[in-house]
Amino acid sequence: MAHTSLSHPLQIAAVRPWTGAGRIGVTFCPGKTQAEALTGAWERDLALDLDAVREWGAKAVLTLLEDHEIVTLGVRSLSAEVRARGLMWFHAPIADYGTPDAAFEASWRDIGQALRTLLADDADIVIHCKG
């Protein structure tokens, strides 16, 4: 039996980086479909998961997935669906089981500043990887 958004509602673990800042939420890929994973099969619903992200209070979503993972996990419309909910979407891919490379570092200059500004304004953000 596959894990779904109904059987396993999206969980977001949160930390507050400093007093008065917004929260940083961490979760796995909203809406992912994956026939085989270490934790079993996944057949999540992107709309339900992103609604949960919005209801949690996020103002922005940071996706760490590589482009091929977005395709493989069946979430090609992720950026559009995030934006359709009035949330900001940032994409800074990190190779699975890897560390940030030069391309990540270059994109992080702008993305990191935008996210720090949001946090300083007490806005919440969600970061996700494949999970």
Protein backbone atom coordinates (compact mmCIF):
# COMPACT_ATOMS: atom_id res chain seq x y z
CA MET A 1 0.00 0.00 0.00
CA ALA A 2 1.43 3.36 -1.02
CA HIS A 3 1.86 6.28 1.34
CA THR A 4 -0.50 9.10 0.33
CA SER A 5 -1.17 12.65 1.45
CA LEU A 6 -4.24 11.34 3.28
CA SER A 7 -2.67 8.31 4.96
CA HIS A 8 0.54 10.22 5.81
CA PRO A 9 -0.23 13.97 6.00
CA LEU A 10 2.70 16.24 5.22
CA GLN A 11 4.79 16.89 8.32
CA ILE A 12 6.92 20.00 8.60
CA ALA A 13 9.64 20.15 11.26
CA ALA A 14 10.47 23.74 12.18
CA VAL A 15 13.25 25.79 13.72
CA ARG A 16 13.42 29.50 14.40
CA PRO A 17 16.94 30.74 13.50
CA TRP A 18 16.84 33.68 15.94
CA THR A 19 14.36 35.33 18.29
CA GLY A 20 11.76 37.28 16.37
CA ALA A 21 12.53 35.56 13.06
CA GLY A 22 10.18 33.51 10.97
CA ARG A 23 10.36 29.73 11.02
CA ILE A 24 12.33 27.47 8.70
CA GLY A 25 10.27 24.37 7.99
CA VAL A 26 11.82 21.20 6.60
CA THR A 27 9.90 18.45 4.83
CA PHE A 28 10.13 16.02 1.93
CA CYS A 29 8.99 16.73 -1.59
CA PRO A 30 5.32 17.74 -1.70
CA GLY A 31 3.30 15.66 -4.14
CA LYS A 32 6.02 13.12 -4.81
CA THR A 33 5.19 9.85 -6.49
CA GLN A 34 7.79 7.16 -6.15
CA ALA A 35 7.09 3.47 -6.75
CA GLU A 36 10.10 2.33 -4.75
CA ALA A 37 11.82 4.15 -1.90
CA LEU A 38 13.55 3.05 1.29
CA THR A 39 10.32 3.89 3.12
CA GLY A 40 8.01 2.21 0.59
CA ALA A 41 5.91 3.50 -2.28
CA TRP A 42 4.67 7.10 -2.34
CA GLU A 43 1.63 8.47 -4.18
CA ARG A 44 1.23 11.94 -2.70
CA ASP A 45 -1.12 14.66 -3.96
CA LEU A 46 0.69 17.88 -4.88
CA ALA A 47 -2.33 20.12 -4.32
CA LEU A 48 -3.08 18.71 -0.85
CA ASP A 49 0.56 18.91 0.20
CA LEU A 50 0.98 22.50 -1.00
CA ASP A 51 -2.27 23.48 0.67
CA ALA A 52 -0.75 22.08 3.89
CA VAL A 53 2.41 24.15 3.32
CA ARG A 54 0.31 27.29 2.88
CA GLU A 55 -1.85 26.46 5.92
CA TRP A 56 1.33 25.96 7.97
CA GLY A 57 2.02 29.60 7.24
CA ALA A 58 4.80 29.50 4.65
CA LYS A 59 5.38 32.54 2.48
CA ALA A 60 8.06 30.83 0.37
CA VAL A 61 9.21 27.37 -0.69
CA LEU A 62 12.84 26.47 -1.39
CA THR A 63 13.26 23.39 -3.59
CA LEU A 64 16.63 21.62 -3.39
CA LEU A 65 15.73 18.98 -6.00
CA GLU A 66 17.66 18.61 -9.21
CA ASP A 67 15.68 19.05 -12.42
CA HIS A 68 15.69 15.31 -13.18
CA GLU A 69 14.31 14.60 -9.69
CA ILE A 70 11.43 17.00 -10.29
CA VAL A 71 10.57 14.95 -13.38
CA THR A 72 11.16 11.54 -11.74
CA LEU A 73 9.01 12.41 -8.71
CA GLY A 74 6.16 13.58 -10.94
CA VAL A 75 6.08 17.18 -9.71
CA ARG A 76 6.76 19.06 -12.94
CA SER A 77 4.12 21.64 -12.02
CA LEU A 78 5.61 22.26 -8.56
CA SER A 79 6.77 25.83 -9.22
CA ALA A 80 3.49 26.83 -10.87
CA GLU A 81 1.41 25.23 -8.11
CA VAL A 82 3.47 26.94 -5.40
CA ARG A 83 3.00 30.31 -7.08
CA ALA A 84 -0.72 29.65 -7.67
CA ARG A 85 -1.08 29.57 -3.89
CA GLY A 86 0.50 33.01 -3.56
CA LEU A 87 3.81 31.64 -2.30
CA MET A 88 7.27 32.52 -3.58
CA TRP A 89 9.26 29.67 -5.12
CA PHE A 90 13.04 29.38 -5.07
CA HIS A 91 15.05 26.63 -6.73
CA ALA A 92 18.62 25.85 -5.64
CA PRO A 93 19.41 22.26 -6.62
CA ILE A 94 21.86 20.14 -4.66
CA ALA A 95 22.88 16.73 -6.02
CA ASP A 96 21.32 13.85 -4.09
CA TYR A 97 23.82 12.67 -1.46
CA GLY A 98 26.01 15.61 -2.48
CA THR A 99 27.09 18.94 -1.11
CA PRO A 100 26.46 22.39 -2.53
CA ASP A 101 28.58 23.02 -5.62
CA ALA A 102 29.71 26.22 -7.36
CA ALA A 103 26.39 26.59 -9.20
CA PHE A 104 24.49 26.35 -5.90
CA GLU A 105 26.81 28.86 -4.26
CA ALA A 106 26.31 31.31 -7.12
CA SER A 107 22.52 31.07 -6.96
CA TRP A 108 22.58 31.18 -3.15
CA ARG A 109 23.94 34.73 -3.15
CA ASP A 110 20.55 36.04 -4.29
CA ILE A 111 18.29 33.31 -2.91
CA GLY A 112 19.94 33.33 0.51
CA GLN A 113 19.56 37.08 0.83
CA ALA A 114 15.88 36.92 -0.16
CA LEU A 115 15.20 34.15 2.36
CA ARG A 116 17.07 35.92 5.17
CA THR A 117 15.00 39.04 4.45
CA LEU A 118 11.79 37.04 4.66
CA LEU A 119 12.88 35.46 7.95
CA ALA A 120 13.84 38.87 9.36
CA ASP A 121 10.33 40.05 8.47
CA ASP A 122 8.94 37.14 10.55
CA ALA A 123 7.84 35.22 7.43
CA ASP A 124 8.00 31.42 7.44
CA ILE A 125 9.70 29.39 4.70
CA VAL A 126 9.66 25.69 3.84
CA ILE A 127 12.69 23.89 2.48
CA HIS A 128 12.38 20.47 0.90
CA CYS A 129 14.45 17.86 -0.81
CA LYS A 130 13.50 14.47 -2.22
CA GLY A 131 13.01 12.91 1.20
